[in-house]
Amino acid sequence: MRLTINIPDDIHRSLKIKAAKEGTTMHALLLQGIDDHLKSKIITVPTAIICRTILSRRSSVPCQDPGKRSA
């Protein structure tokens, strides 16, 4: 797929220098950056959905917020 974006001159210059130093292309650096960014995003599921799923499968399992610690 082809995509056209506008990159500010200073960022373009930095990208071009980094690509040259690493012996790669600007295209490859951009794709790697996008891929890294997407992989770093953690998909969270709201606690209510987790609890509802657990309770619907095993009614004896208590539902707790995974972010809260019990004393």
C-alpha atoms as a PDB file:
ATOM      1  CA  MET A   1       0.000   0.000   0.000  1.00  0.00           C
ATOM      2  CA  ARG A   2       1.270   3.468  -0.809  1.00  0.00           C
ATOM      3  CA  LEU A   3       0.936   6.356   1.659  1.00  0.00           C
ATOM      4  CA  THR A   4       1.968   9.980   1.289  1.00  0.00           C
ATOM      5  CA  ILE A   5       2.883  11.971   4.399  1.00  0.00           C
ATOM      6  CA  ASN A   6       4.417  15.384   4.979  1.00  0.00           C
ATOM      7  CA  ILE A   7       7.536  15.274   7.133  1.00  0.00           C
ATOM      8  CA  PRO A   8       9.065  18.485   8.499  1.00  0.00           C
ATOM      9  CA  ASP A   9      12.492  19.262   7.021  1.00  0.00           C
ATOM     10  CA  ASP A  10      14.384  18.804  10.297  1.00  0.00           C
ATOM     11  CA  ILE A  11      12.848  15.365  10.914  1.00  0.00           C
ATOM     12  CA  HIS A  12      13.490  14.353   7.300  1.00  0.00           C
ATOM     13  CA  ARG A  13      17.129  15.386   7.651  1.00  0.00           C
ATOM     14  CA  SER A  14      17.530  13.435  10.908  1.00  0.00           C
ATOM     15  CA  LEU A  15      15.852  10.382   9.392  1.00  0.00           C
ATOM     16  CA  LYS A  16      18.110  10.517   6.334  1.00  0.00           C
ATOM     17  CA  ILE A  17      21.252  10.797   8.509  1.00  0.00           C
ATOM     18  CA  LYS A  18      20.151   7.934  10.775  1.00  0.00           C
ATOM     19  CA  ALA A  19      19.396   5.706   7.779  1.00  0.00           C
ATOM     20  CA  ALA A  20      22.817   6.422   6.276  1.00  0.00           C
ATOM     21  CA  LYS A  21      24.608   5.694   9.577  1.00  0.00           C
ATOM     22  CA  GLU A  22      22.724   2.406   9.959  1.00  0.00           C
ATOM     23  CA  GLY A  23      23.207   1.420   6.318  1.00  0.00           C
ATOM     24  CA  THR A  24      19.484   1.172   5.677  1.00  0.00           C
ATOM     25  CA  THR A  25      16.765   3.212   3.983  1.00  0.00           C
ATOM     26  CA  MET A  26      14.407   5.830   5.327  1.00  0.00           C
ATOM     27  CA  HIS A  27      11.570   3.586   4.207  1.00  0.00           C
ATOM     28  CA  ALA A  28      12.875   0.699   6.345  1.00  0.00           C
ATOM     29  CA  LEU A  29      13.362   2.970   9.376  1.00  0.00           C
ATOM     30  CA  LEU A  30       9.834   4.345   9.090  1.00  0.00           C
ATOM     31  CA  LEU A  31       8.302   0.875   8.779  1.00  0.00           C
ATOM     32  CA  GLN A  32      10.334  -0.375  11.760  1.00  0.00           C
ATOM     33  CA  GLY A  33       9.283   2.646  13.825  1.00  0.00           C
ATOM     34  CA  ILE A  34       5.616   2.126  13.015  1.00  0.00           C
ATOM     35  CA  ASP A  35       5.859  -1.606  13.753  1.00  0.00           C
ATOM     36  CA  ASP A  36       7.649  -0.980  17.083  1.00  0.00           C
ATOM     37  CA  HIS A  37       5.034   1.604  18.051  1.00  0.00           C
ATOM     38  CA  LEU A  38       2.139  -0.744  17.296  1.00  0.00           C
ATOM     39  CA  LYS A  39       3.762  -3.635  19.173  1.00  0.00           C
ATOM     40  CA  SER A  40       4.381  -1.455  22.239  1.00  0.00           C
ATOM     41  CA  LYS A  41       0.695  -0.678  22.685  1.00  0.00           C
ATOM     42  CA  ILE A  42      -0.868  -2.904  25.329  1.00  0.00           C
ATOM     43  CA  ILE A  43      -4.477  -3.777  24.724  1.00  0.00           C
ATOM     44  CA  THR A  44      -6.350  -3.752  28.000  1.00  0.00           C
ATOM     45  CA  VAL A  45      -9.705  -5.331  28.643  1.00  0.00           C
ATOM     46  CA  PRO A  46     -11.944  -3.593  31.190  1.00  0.00           C
ATOM     47  CA  THR A  47     -12.236  -5.466  34.491  1.00  0.00           C
ATOM     48  CA  ALA A  48     -16.013  -5.771  34.148  1.00  0.00           C
ATOM     49  CA  ILE A  49     -15.600  -7.773  30.951  1.00  0.00           C
ATOM     50  CA  ILE A  50     -12.986 -10.044  32.545  1.00  0.00           C
ATOM     51  CA  CYS A  51     -15.203 -10.614  35.583  1.00  0.00           C
ATOM     52  CA  ARG A  52     -18.268 -11.288  33.479  1.00  0.00           C
ATOM     53  CA  THR A  53     -16.316 -13.843  31.430  1.00  0.00           C
ATOM     54  CA  ILE A  54     -14.929 -15.592  34.519  1.00  0.00           C
ATOM     55  CA  LEU A  55     -18.264 -15.634  36.289  1.00  0.00           C
ATOM     56  CA  SER A  56     -20.082 -16.955  33.246  1.00  0.00           C
ATOM     57  CA  ARG A  57     -17.641 -19.881  33.049  1.00  0.00           C
ATOM     58  CA  ARG A  58     -17.212 -20.658  36.757  1.00  0.00           C
ATOM     59  CA  SER A  59     -19.728 -19.134  39.116  1.00  0.00           C
ATOM     60  CA  SER A  60     -17.652 -19.995  42.207  1.00  0.00           C
ATOM     61  CA  VAL A  61     -14.714 -17.784  41.169  1.00  0.00           C
ATOM     62  CA  PRO A  62     -14.714 -14.437  42.986  1.00  0.00           C
ATOM     63  CA  CYS A  63     -14.361 -11.411  40.754  1.00  0.00           C
ATOM     64  CA  GLN A  64     -11.552  -9.022  41.735  1.00  0.00           C
ATOM     65  CA  ASP A  65     -10.033  -6.017  40.067  1.00  0.00           C
ATOM     66  CA  PRO A  66      -6.603  -7.212  38.879  1.00  0.00           C
ATOM     67  CA  GLY A  67      -5.172  -3.781  39.667  1.00  0.00           C
ATOM     68  CA  LYS A  68      -6.139  -3.975  43.343  1.00  0.00           C
ATOM     69  CA  ARG A  69      -4.259  -6.091  45.857  1.00  0.00           C
ATOM     70  CA  SER A  70      -6.057  -7.813  48.676  1.00  0.00           C
ATOM     71  CA  ALA A  71      -4.670  -7.425  52.184  1.00  0.00           C
END
